Amino acid sequence: ALKLLNDKGEFINGENGAEVLALAENEDFNYAEVDDLG
C-alpha cells in the first residue's frame, strides 16, 4: 500500500484524500522536463 502523509508527518484528512483520488481518476498529471527532474 501507499499511505500518504502531510508536511506534519500525519495522515492526510478525508477532504485531501478525496482530492487525490479525483486526480488519480482523471490522470491529470504534468511531468517535469529533463532539466527539472527531482
Full PDB file with SEQRES, HELIX, SHEET, SSBOND, CRYST1, ORIGX, SCALE, CONECT and MASTER records, all heavy atoms in Angstrom:
SEQRES   1 A   38  ALA LEU LYS LEU LEU ASN ASP LYS GLY GLU PHE ILE ASN          
SEQRES   2 A   38  GLY GLU ASN GLY ALA GLU VAL LEU ALA LEU ALA GLU ASN          
SEQRES   3 A   38  GLU ASP PHE ASN TYR ALA GLU VAL ASP ASP LEU GLY              
HELIX    1 AA1 GLY A   14  ASN A   26  1                                  13    
HELIX    2 AA2 VAL A   34  ASP A   36  5                                   3    
CRYST1    1.000    1.000    1.000  90.00  90.00  90.00 P 1           1          
ORIGX1      1.000000  0.000000  0.000000        0.00000                         
ORIGX2      0.000000  1.000000  0.000000        0.00000                         
ORIGX3      0.000000  0.000000  1.000000        0.00000                         
SCALE1      1.000000  0.000000  0.000000        0.00000                         
SCALE2      0.000000  1.000000  0.000000        0.00000                         
SCALE3      0.000000  0.000000  1.000000        0.00000                         
ATOM      1  N   ALA A   1       0.830  -1.206   0.000  1.00  0.00           N  
ATOM      2  CA  ALA A   1       0.000   0.000   0.000  1.00  0.00           C  
ATOM      3  C   ALA A   1       0.861   1.250   0.000  1.00  0.00           C  
ATOM      4  O   ALA A   1       2.041   1.211   0.351  1.00  0.00           O  
ATOM      5  CB  ALA A   1      -0.912   0.002   1.231  1.00  0.00           C  
ATOM      6  N   LEU A   2       0.240   2.358  -0.399  1.00  0.00           N  
ATOM      7  CA  LEU A   2       0.844   3.683  -0.286  1.00  0.00           C  
ATOM      8  C   LEU A   2       0.016   4.458   0.733  1.00  0.00           C  
ATOM      9  O   LEU A   2      -1.186   4.666   0.531  1.00  0.00           O  
ATOM     10  CB  LEU A   2       0.805   4.436  -1.624  1.00  0.00           C  
ATOM     11  CG  LEU A   2       1.807   4.070  -2.717  1.00  0.00           C  
ATOM     12  CD1 LEU A   2       1.555   2.676  -3.265  1.00  0.00           C  
ATOM     13  CD2 LEU A   2       1.718   5.092  -3.853  1.00  0.00           C  
ATOM     14  N   LYS A   3       0.642   4.832   1.851  1.00  0.00           N  
ATOM     15  CA  LYS A   3      -0.047   5.653   2.860  1.00  0.00           C  
ATOM     16  C   LYS A   3       0.521   7.065   2.789  1.00  0.00           C  
ATOM     17  O   LYS A   3       1.743   7.246   2.760  1.00  0.00           O  
ATOM     18  CB  LYS A   3       0.169   5.066   4.256  1.00  0.00           C  
ATOM     19  CG  LYS A   3      -0.500   3.714   4.457  1.00  0.00           C  
ATOM     20  CD  LYS A   3      -0.305   3.275   5.895  1.00  0.00           C  
ATOM     21  CE  LYS A   3      -1.044   1.982   6.182  1.00  0.00           C  
ATOM     22  NZ  LYS A   3      -0.864   1.555   7.582  1.00  0.00           N  
ATOM     23  N   LEU A   4      -0.353   8.052   2.809  1.00  0.00           N  
ATOM     24  CA  LEU A   4       0.024   9.416   2.443  1.00  0.00           C  
ATOM     25  C   LEU A   4       0.082  10.342   3.656  1.00  0.00           C  
ATOM     26  O   LEU A   4      -0.855  10.403   4.453  1.00  0.00           O  
ATOM     27  CB  LEU A   4      -0.989   9.954   1.427  1.00  0.00           C  
ATOM     28  CG  LEU A   4      -1.283   8.997   0.251  1.00  0.00           C  
ATOM     29  CD1 LEU A   4      -2.372   9.557  -0.641  1.00  0.00           C  
ATOM     30  CD2 LEU A   4      -0.013   8.714  -0.549  1.00  0.00           C  
ATOM     31  N   LEU A   5       1.176  11.089   3.762  1.00  0.00           N  
ATOM     32  CA  LEU A   5       1.393  11.987   4.900  1.00  0.00           C  
ATOM     33  C   LEU A   5       1.507  13.435   4.448  1.00  0.00           C  
ATOM     34  O   LEU A   5       2.065  13.727   3.384  1.00  0.00           O  
ATOM     35  CB  LEU A   5       2.702  11.623   5.617  1.00  0.00           C  
ATOM     36  CG  LEU A   5       2.864  10.200   6.144  1.00  0.00           C  
ATOM     37  CD1 LEU A   5       4.274  10.022   6.704  1.00  0.00           C  
ATOM     38  CD2 LEU A   5       1.823   9.890   7.208  1.00  0.00           C  
ATOM     39  N   ASN A   6       1.010  14.355   5.298  1.00  0.00           N  
ATOM     40  CA  ASN A   6       1.182  15.783   5.045  1.00  0.00           C  
ATOM     41  C   ASN A   6       2.529  16.265   5.587  1.00  0.00           C  
ATOM     42  O   ASN A   6       3.351  15.463   6.036  1.00  0.00           O  
ATOM     43  CB  ASN A   6       0.002  16.584   5.634  1.00  0.00           C  
ATOM     44  CG  ASN A   6      -0.083  16.441   7.161  1.00  0.00           C  
ATOM     45  OD1 ASN A   6       0.900  16.114   7.834  1.00  0.00           O  
ATOM     46  ND2 ASN A   6      -1.250  16.687   7.716  1.00  0.00           N  
ATOM     47  N   ASP A   7       2.740  17.585   5.591  1.00  0.00           N  
ATOM     48  CA  ASP A   7       4.057  18.104   5.995  1.00  0.00           C  
ATOM     49  C   ASP A   7       4.306  18.012   7.506  1.00  0.00           C  
ATOM     50  O   ASP A   7       5.422  18.257   7.964  1.00  0.00           O  
ATOM     51  CB  ASP A   7       4.264  19.540   5.493  1.00  0.00           C  
ATOM     52  CG  ASP A   7       3.173  20.501   5.949  1.00  0.00           C  
ATOM     53  OD1 ASP A   7       2.274  20.068   6.712  1.00  0.00           O  
ATOM     54  OD2 ASP A   7       3.199  21.675   5.544  1.00  0.00           O  
ATOM     55  N   LYS A   8       3.276  17.655   8.275  1.00  0.00           N  
ATOM     56  CA  LYS A   8       3.488  17.426   9.714  1.00  0.00           C  
ATOM     57  C   LYS A   8       3.829  15.964   9.987  1.00  0.00           C  
ATOM     58  O   LYS A   8       4.004  15.558  11.139  1.00  0.00           O  
ATOM     59  CB  LYS A   8       2.219  17.779  10.490  1.00  0.00           C  
ATOM     60  CG  LYS A   8       1.820  19.245  10.429  1.00  0.00           C  
ATOM     61  CD  LYS A   8       0.691  19.491  11.433  1.00  0.00           C  
ATOM     62  CE  LYS A   8       0.216  20.921  11.383  1.00  0.00           C  
ATOM     63  NZ  LYS A   8      -1.062  21.094  10.707  1.00  0.00           N  
ATOM     64  N   GLY A   9       3.852  15.131   8.928  1.00  0.00           N  
ATOM     65  CA  GLY A   9       4.085  13.705   9.120  1.00  0.00           C  
ATOM     66  C   GLY A   9       2.844  12.996   9.629  1.00  0.00           C  
ATOM     67  O   GLY A   9       2.940  11.933  10.248  1.00  0.00           O  
ATOM     68  N   GLU A  10       1.665  13.570   9.366  1.00  0.00           N  
ATOM     69  CA  GLU A  10       0.392  12.969   9.781  1.00  0.00           C  
ATOM     70  C   GLU A  10      -0.393  12.561   8.548  1.00  0.00           C  
ATOM     71  O   GLU A  10      -0.238  13.140   7.472  1.00  0.00           O  
ATOM     72  CB  GLU A  10      -0.411  13.989  10.608  1.00  0.00           C  
ATOM     73  CG  GLU A  10       0.291  14.383  11.895  1.00  0.00           C  
ATOM     74  CD  GLU A  10      -0.294  15.640  12.531  1.00  0.00           C  
ATOM     75  OE1 GLU A  10      -1.419  16.034  12.150  1.00  0.00           O  
ATOM     76  OE2 GLU A  10       0.378  16.231  13.399  1.00  0.00           O  
ATOM     77  N   PHE A  11      -1.276  11.563   8.711  1.00  0.00           N  
ATOM     78  CA  PHE A  11      -2.072  11.110   7.573  1.00  0.00           C  
ATOM     79  C   PHE A  11      -2.939  12.247   7.046  1.00  0.00           C  
ATOM     80  O   PHE A  11      -3.505  13.027   7.830  1.00  0.00           O  
ATOM     81  CB  PHE A  11      -2.948   9.917   7.960  1.00  0.00           C  
ATOM     82  CG  PHE A  11      -2.163   8.648   8.162  1.00  0.00           C  
ATOM     83  CD1 PHE A  11      -2.157   7.990   9.377  1.00  0.00           C  
ATOM     84  CD2 PHE A  11      -1.408   8.116   7.131  1.00  0.00           C  
ATOM     85  CE1 PHE A  11      -1.412   6.845   9.571  1.00  0.00           C  
ATOM     86  CE2 PHE A  11      -0.653   6.960   7.306  1.00  0.00           C  
ATOM     87  CZ  PHE A  11      -0.656   6.321   8.526  1.00  0.00           C  
ATOM     88  N   ILE A  12      -3.021  12.358   5.726  1.00  0.00           N  
ATOM     89  CA  ILE A  12      -3.860  13.411   5.140  1.00  0.00           C  
ATOM     90  C   ILE A  12      -5.319  13.160   5.516  1.00  0.00           C  
ATOM     91  O   ILE A  12      -5.720  12.028   5.758  1.00  0.00           O  
ATOM     92  CB  ILE A  12      -3.689  13.506   3.605  1.00  0.00           C  
ATOM     93  CG1 ILE A  12      -4.130  12.221   2.907  1.00  0.00           C  
ATOM     94  CG2 ILE A  12      -2.255  13.841   3.242  1.00  0.00           C  
ATOM     95  CD1 ILE A  12      -4.185  12.330   1.390  1.00  0.00           C  
ATOM     96  N   ASN A  13      -6.107  14.232   5.582  1.00  0.00           N  
ATOM     97  CA  ASN A  13      -7.503  14.081   6.010  1.00  0.00           C  
ATOM     98  C   ASN A  13      -8.407  13.640   4.855  1.00  0.00           C  
ATOM     99  O   ASN A  13      -7.964  13.519   3.704  1.00  0.00           O  
ATOM    100  CB  ASN A  13      -8.011  15.367   6.662  1.00  0.00           C  
ATOM    101  CG  ASN A  13      -8.071  16.539   5.684  1.00  0.00           C  
ATOM    102  OD1 ASN A  13      -8.276  16.374   4.484  1.00  0.00           O  
ATOM    103  ND2 ASN A  13      -7.893  17.741   6.206  1.00  0.00           N  
ATOM    104  N   GLY A  14      -9.659  13.413   5.171  1.00  0.00           N  
ATOM    105  CA  GLY A  14     -10.609  12.871   4.194  1.00  0.00           C  
ATOM    106  C   GLY A  14     -10.792  13.751   2.982  1.00  0.00           C  
ATOM    107  O   GLY A  14     -10.839  13.278   1.844  1.00  0.00           O  
ATOM    108  N   GLU A  15     -10.878  15.054   3.225  1.00  0.00           N  
ATOM    109  CA  GLU A  15     -11.084  16.004   2.118  1.00  0.00           C  
ATOM    110  C   GLU A  15      -9.894  15.966   1.163  1.00  0.00           C  
ATOM    111  O   GLU A  15     -10.050  15.902  -0.062  1.00  0.00           O  
ATOM    112  CB  GLU A  15     -11.225  17.401   2.730  1.00  0.00           C  
ATOM    113  CG  GLU A  15     -11.745  18.455   1.781  1.00  0.00           C  
ATOM    114  CD  GLU A  15     -11.763  19.824   2.468  1.00  0.00           C  
ATOM    115  OE1 GLU A  15     -12.041  19.883   3.691  1.00  0.00           O  
ATOM    116  OE2 GLU A  15     -11.468  20.806   1.783  1.00  0.00           O  
ATOM    117  N   ASN A  16      -8.679  15.991   1.735  1.00  0.00           N  
ATOM    118  CA  ASN A  16      -7.468  15.922   0.907  1.00  0.00           C  
ATOM    119  C   ASN A  16      -7.389  14.606   0.148  1.00  0.00           C  
ATOM    120  O   ASN A  16      -7.047  14.567  -1.039  1.00  0.00           O  
ATOM    121  CB  ASN A  16      -6.217  16.063   1.779  1.00  0.00           C  
ATOM    122  CG  ASN A  16      -6.130  17.379   2.526  1.00  0.00           C  
ATOM    123  OD1 ASN A  16      -5.450  17.478   3.527  1.00  0.00           O  
ATOM    124  ND2 ASN A  16      -6.832  18.395   2.053  1.00  0.00           N  
ATOM    125  N   GLY A  17      -7.725  13.515   0.843  1.00  0.00           N  
ATOM    126  CA  GLY A  17      -7.694  12.189   0.219  1.00  0.00           C  
ATOM    127  C   GLY A  17      -8.637  12.105  -0.971  1.00  0.00           C  
ATOM    128  O   GLY A  17      -8.297  11.522  -2.011  1.00  0.00           O  
ATOM    129  N   ALA A  18      -9.815  12.713  -0.828  1.00  0.00           N  
ATOM    130  CA  ALA A  18     -10.791  12.707  -1.932  1.00  0.00           C  
ATOM    131  C   ALA A  18     -10.246  13.466  -3.136  1.00  0.00           C  
ATOM    132  O   ALA A  18     -10.442  13.058  -4.293  1.00  0.00           O  
ATOM    133  CB  ALA A  18     -12.105  13.323  -1.457  1.00  0.00           C  
ATOM    134  N   GLU A  19      -9.518  14.554  -2.876  1.00  0.00           N  
ATOM    135  CA  GLU A  19      -8.918  15.330  -3.981  1.00  0.00           C  
ATOM    136  C   GLU A  19      -7.841  14.512  -4.694  1.00  0.00           C  
ATOM    137  O   GLU A  19      -7.734  14.544  -5.926  1.00  0.00           O  
ATOM    138  CB  GLU A  19      -8.318  16.633  -3.435  1.00  0.00           C  
ATOM    139  CG  GLU A  19      -9.375  17.632  -2.972  1.00  0.00           C  
ATOM    140  CD  GLU A  19      -8.787  18.767  -2.132  1.00  0.00           C  
ATOM    141  OE1 GLU A  19      -7.541  18.857  -2.013  1.00  0.00           O  
ATOM    142  OE2 GLU A  19      -9.582  19.569  -1.595  1.00  0.00           O  
ATOM    143  N   VAL A  20      -7.041  13.767  -3.927  1.00  0.00           N  
ATOM    144  CA  VAL A  20      -6.003  12.913  -4.526  1.00  0.00           C  
ATOM    145  C   VAL A  20      -6.651  11.825  -5.389  1.00  0.00           C  
ATOM    146  O   VAL A  20      -6.209  11.553  -6.518  1.00  0.00           O  
ATOM    147  CB  VAL A  20      -5.104  12.277  -3.432  1.00  0.00           C  
ATOM    148  CG1 VAL A  20      -4.138  11.268  -4.041  1.00  0.00           C  
ATOM    149  CG2 VAL A  20      -4.333  13.347  -2.675  1.00  0.00           C  
ATOM    150  N   LEU A  21      -7.729  11.204  -4.877  1.00  0.00           N  
ATOM    151  CA  LEU A  21      -8.435  10.163  -5.634  1.00  0.00           C  
ATOM    152  C   LEU A  21      -8.986  10.713  -6.954  1.00  0.00           C  
ATOM    153  O   LEU A  21      -8.920  10.050  -7.993  1.00  0.00           O  
ATOM    154  CB  LEU A  21      -9.584   9.573  -4.799  1.00  0.00           C  
ATOM    155  CG  LEU A  21      -9.199   8.670  -3.627  1.00  0.00           C  
ATOM    156  CD1 LEU A  21     -10.441   8.266  -2.835  1.00  0.00           C  
ATOM    157  CD2 LEU A  21      -8.464   7.423  -4.090  1.00  0.00           C  
ATOM    158  N   ALA A  22      -9.504  11.937  -6.902  1.00  0.00           N  
ATOM    159  CA  ALA A  22     -10.059  12.550  -8.121  1.00  0.00           C  
ATOM    160  C   ALA A  22      -8.958  12.790  -9.152  1.00  0.00           C  
ATOM    161  O   ALA A  22      -9.146  12.545 -10.360  1.00  0.00           O  
ATOM    162  CB  ALA A  22     -10.764  13.862  -7.769  1.00  0.00           C  
ATOM    163  N   LEU A  23      -7.801  13.257  -8.698  1.00  0.00           N  
ATOM    164  CA  LEU A  23      -6.671  13.466  -9.622  1.00  0.00           C  
ATOM    165  C   LEU A  23      -6.242  12.142 -10.257  1.00  0.00           C  
ATOM    166  O   LEU A  23      -5.934  12.079 -11.450  1.00  0.00           O  
ATOM    167  CB  LEU A  23      -5.487  14.083  -8.873  1.00  0.00           C  
ATOM    168  CG  LEU A  23      -5.579  15.565  -8.527  1.00  0.00           C  
ATOM    169  CD1 LEU A  23      -4.499  15.952  -7.523  1.00  0.00           C  
ATOM    170  CD2 LEU A  23      -5.437  16.421  -9.791  1.00  0.00           C  
ATOM    171  N   ALA A  24      -6.214  11.073  -9.446  1.00  0.00           N  
ATOM    172  CA  ALA A  24      -5.821   9.752  -9.963  1.00  0.00           C  
ATOM    173  C   ALA A  24      -6.824   9.285 -11.021  1.00  0.00           C  
ATOM    174  O   ALA A  24      -6.438   8.746 -12.067  1.00  0.00           O  
ATOM    175  CB  ALA A  24      -5.734   8.749  -8.824  1.00  0.00           C  
ATOM    176  N   GLU A  25      -8.109   9.496 -10.715  1.00  0.00           N  
ATOM    177  CA  GLU A  25      -9.183   9.066 -11.628  1.00  0.00           C  
ATOM    178  C   GLU A  25      -9.056   9.759 -12.986  1.00  0.00           C  
ATOM    179  O   GLU A  25      -9.188   9.147 -14.032  1.00  0.00           O  
ATOM    180  CB  GLU A  25     -10.538   9.415 -10.976  1.00  0.00           C  
ATOM    181  CG  GLU A  25     -11.738   8.748 -11.605  1.00  0.00           C  
ATOM    182  CD  GLU A  25     -11.723   7.226 -11.464  1.00  0.00           C  
ATOM    183  OE1 GLU A  25     -11.226   6.706 -10.442  1.00  0.00           O  
ATOM    184  OE2 GLU A  25     -12.184   6.583 -12.411  1.00  0.00           O  
ATOM    185  N   ASN A  26      -8.753  11.064 -12.955  1.00  0.00           N  
ATOM    186  CA  ASN A  26      -8.693  11.850 -14.204  1.00  0.00           C  
ATOM    187  C   ASN A  26      -7.315  11.795 -14.869  1.00  0.00           C  
ATOM    188  O   ASN A  26      -7.146  12.294 -15.980  1.00  0.00           O  
ATOM    189  CB  ASN A  26      -9.042  13.321 -13.911  1.00  0.00           C  
ATOM    190  CG  ASN A  26     -10.448  13.445 -13.375  1.00  0.00           C  
ATOM    191  OD1 ASN A  26     -11.325  12.683 -13.752  1.00  0.00           O  
ATOM    192  ND2 ASN A  26     -10.667  14.395 -12.476  1.00  0.00           N  
ATOM    193  N   GLU A  27      -6.337  11.203 -14.182  1.00  0.00           N  
ATOM    194  CA  GLU A  27      -4.951  11.151 -14.690  1.00  0.00           C  
ATOM    195  C   GLU A  27      -4.488  12.528 -15.142  1.00  0.00           C  
ATOM    196  O   GLU A  27      -3.897  12.694 -16.213  1.00  0.00           O  
ATOM    197  CB  GLU A  27      -4.823  10.100 -15.801  1.00  0.00           C  
ATOM    198  CG  GLU A  27      -5.160   8.703 -15.304  1.00  0.00           C  
ATOM    199  CD  GLU A  27      -4.823   7.602 -16.301  1.00  0.00           C  
ATOM    200  OE1 GLU A  27      -4.127   7.883 -17.298  1.00  0.00           O  
ATOM    201  OE2 GLU A  27      -5.236   6.453 -16.057  1.00  0.00           O  
ATOM    202  N   ASP A  28      -4.752  13.506 -14.284  1.00  0.00           N  
ATOM    203  CA  ASP A  28      -4.478  14.898 -14.625  1.00  0.00           C  
ATOM    204  C   ASP A  28      -3.083  15.273 -14.127  1.00  0.00           C  
ATOM    205  O   ASP A  28      -2.928  15.996 -13.148  1.00  0.00           O  
ATOM    206  CB  ASP A  28      -5.572  15.759 -13.957  1.00  0.00           C  
ATOM    207  CG  ASP A  28      -5.494  17.209 -14.397  1.00  0.00           C  
ATOM    208  OD1 ASP A  28      -4.726  17.493 -15.328  1.00  0.00           O  
ATOM    209  OD2 ASP A  28      -6.183  18.051 -13.795  1.00  0.00           O  
ATOM    210  N   PHE A  29      -2.054  14.760 -14.817  1.00  0.00           N  
ATOM    211  CA  PHE A  29      -0.681  14.943 -14.362  1.00  0.00           C  
ATOM    212  C   PHE A  29       0.123  15.721 -15.396  1.00  0.00           C  
ATOM    213  O   PHE A  29      -0.110  15.603 -16.593  1.00  0.00           O  
ATOM    214  CB  PHE A  29       0.020  13.593 -14.132  1.00  0.00           C  
ATOM    215  CG  PHE A  29      -0.833  12.554 -13.444  1.00  0.00           C  
ATOM    216  CD1 PHE A  29      -0.958  11.274 -13.968  1.00  0.00           C  
ATOM    217  CD2 PHE A  29      -1.522  12.859 -12.277  1.00  0.00           C  
ATOM    218  CE1 PHE A  29      -1.743  10.317 -13.341  1.00  0.00           C  
ATOM    219  CE2 PHE A  29      -2.308  11.919 -11.640  1.00  0.00           C  
ATOM    220  CZ  PHE A  29      -2.433  10.647 -12.188  1.00  0.00           C  
ATOM    221  N   ASN A  30       1.130  16.475 -14.906  1.00  0.00           N  
ATOM    222  CA  ASN A  30       2.013  17.212 -15.799  1.00  0.00           C  
ATOM    223  C   ASN A  30       3.442  16.976 -15.323  1.00  0.00           C  
ATOM    224  O   ASN A  30       3.864  17.518 -14.305  1.00  0.00           O  
ATOM    225  CB  ASN A  30       1.629  18.709 -15.739  1.00  0.00           C  
ATOM    226  CG  ASN A  30       2.386  19.508 -16.779  1.00  0.00           C  
ATOM    227  OD1 ASN A  30       2.976  18.943 -17.704  1.00  0.00           O  
ATOM    228  ND2 ASN A  30       2.397  20.819 -16.615  1.00  0.00           N  
ATOM    229  N   TYR A  31       4.166  16.135 -16.038  1.00  0.00           N  
ATOM    230  CA  TYR A  31       5.500  15.737 -15.592  1.00  0.00           C  
ATOM    231  C   TYR A  31       6.559  16.777 -15.965  1.00  0.00           C  
ATOM    232  O   TYR A  31       6.376  17.584 -16.880  1.00  0.00           O  
ATOM    233  CB  TYR A  31       5.856  14.360 -16.169  1.00  0.00           C  
ATOM    234  CG  TYR A  31       4.936  13.266 -15.659  1.00  0.00           C  
ATOM    235  CD1 TYR A  31       3.885  12.782 -16.428  1.00  0.00           C  
ATOM    236  CD2 TYR A  31       5.098  12.751 -14.371  1.00  0.00           C  
ATOM    237  CE1 TYR A  31       3.023  11.802 -15.947  1.00  0.00           C  
ATOM    238  CE2 TYR A  31       4.250  11.774 -13.875  1.00  0.00           C  
ATOM    239  CZ  TYR A  31       3.204  11.304 -14.674  1.00  0.00           C  
ATOM    240  OH  TYR A  31       2.354  10.344 -14.184  1.00  0.00           O  
ATOM    241  N   ALA A  32       7.673  16.742 -15.240  1.00  0.00           N  
ATOM    242  CA  ALA A  32       8.727  17.748 -15.391  1.00  0.00           C  
ATOM    243  C   ALA A  32       9.566  17.491 -16.635  1.00  0.00           C  
ATOM    244  O   ALA A  32       9.724  16.344 -17.080  1.00  0.00           O  
ATOM    245  CB  ALA A  32       9.625  17.726 -14.157  1.00  0.00           C  
ATOM    246  N   GLU A  33      10.129  18.575 -17.156  1.00  0.00           N  
ATOM    247  CA  GLU A  33      11.072  18.447 -18.278  1.00  0.00           C  
ATOM    248  C   GLU A  33      12.430  18.004 -17.745  1.00  0.00           C  
ATOM    249  O   GLU A  33      12.685  18.053 -16.542  1.00  0.00           O  
ATOM    250  CB  GLU A  33      11.157  19.784 -19.027  1.00  0.00           C  
ATOM    251  CG  GLU A  33       9.825  20.096 -19.719  1.00  0.00           C  
ATOM    252  CD  GLU A  33       9.855  21.369 -20.530  1.00  0.00           C  
ATOM    253  OE1 GLU A  33      10.965  21.889 -20.785  1.00  0.00           O  
ATOM    254  OE2 GLU A  33       8.763  21.837 -20.899  1.00  0.00           O  
ATOM    255  N   VAL A  34      13.302  17.617 -18.653  1.00  0.00           N  
ATOM    256  CA  VAL A  34      14.516  16.894 -18.259  1.00  0.00           C  
ATOM    257  C   VAL A  34      15.410  17.684 -17.291  1.00  0.00           C  
ATOM    258  O   VAL A  34      16.021  17.110 -16.392  1.00  0.00           O  
ATOM    259  CB  VAL A  34      15.298  16.410 -19.508  1.00  0.00           C  
ATOM    260  CG1 VAL A  34      15.938  17.571 -20.270  1.00  0.00           C  
ATOM    261  CG2 VAL A  34      16.339  15.372 -19.112  1.00  0.00           C  
ATOM    262  N   ASP A  35      15.474  19.015 -17.449  1.00  0.00           N  
ATOM    263  CA  ASP A  35      16.330  19.796 -16.546  1.00  0.00           C  
ATOM    264  C   ASP A  35      15.706  20.000 -15.169  1.00  0.00           C  
ATOM    265  O   ASP A  35      16.364  20.499 -14.250  1.00  0.00           O  
ATOM    266  CB  ASP A  35      16.624  21.173 -17.170  1.00  0.00           C  
ATOM    267  CG  ASP A  35      17.519  21.052 -18.398  1.00  0.00           C  
ATOM    268  OD1 ASP A  35      18.343  20.124 -18.419  1.00  0.00           O  
ATOM    269  OD2 ASP A  35      17.382  21.878 -19.314  1.00  0.00           O  
ATOM    270  N   ASP A  36      14.436  19.655 -15.035  1.00  0.00           N  
ATOM    271  CA  ASP A  36      13.703  19.925 -13.785  1.00  0.00           C  
ATOM    272  C   ASP A  36      13.338  18.668 -13.006  1.00  0.00           C  
ATOM    273  O   ASP A  36      12.503  18.719 -12.094  1.00  0.00           O  
ATOM    274  CB  ASP A  36      12.419  20.707 -14.101  1.00  0.00           C  
ATOM    275  CG  ASP A  36      12.706  22.023 -14.789  1.00  0.00           C  
ATOM    276  OD1 ASP A  36      13.681  22.677 -14.397  1.00  0.00           O  
ATOM    277  OD2 ASP A  36      11.958  22.388 -15.726  1.00  0.00           O  
ATOM    278  N   LEU A  37      13.928  17.526 -13.366  1.00  0.00           N  
ATOM    279  CA  LEU A  37      13.607  16.289 -12.652  1.00  0.00           C  
ATOM    280  C   LEU A  37      14.029  16.393 -11.184  1.00  0.00           C  
ATOM    281  O   LEU A  37      14.988  17.084 -10.845  1.00  0.00           O  
ATOM    282  CB  LEU A  37      14.319  15.095 -13.305  1.00  0.00           C  
ATOM    283  CG  LEU A  37      13.877  14.766 -14.733  1.00  0.00           C  
ATOM    284  CD1 LEU A  37      14.766  13.666 -15.321  1.00  0.00           C  
ATOM    285  CD2 LEU A  37      12.420  14.332 -14.782  1.00  0.00           C  
ATOM    286  N   GLY A  38      13.312  15.689 -10.328  1.00  0.00           N  
ATOM    287  CA  GLY A  38      13.619  15.732  -8.896  1.00  0.00           C  
ATOM    288  C   GLY A  38      14.889  14.979  -8.563  1.00  0.00           C  
ATOM    289  O   GLY A  38      15.300  14.063  -9.284  1.00  0.00           O  
TER     290      GLY A  38                                                      
MASTER        0    0    0    2    0    0    0    6  289    1    0    3          
END                                                                             
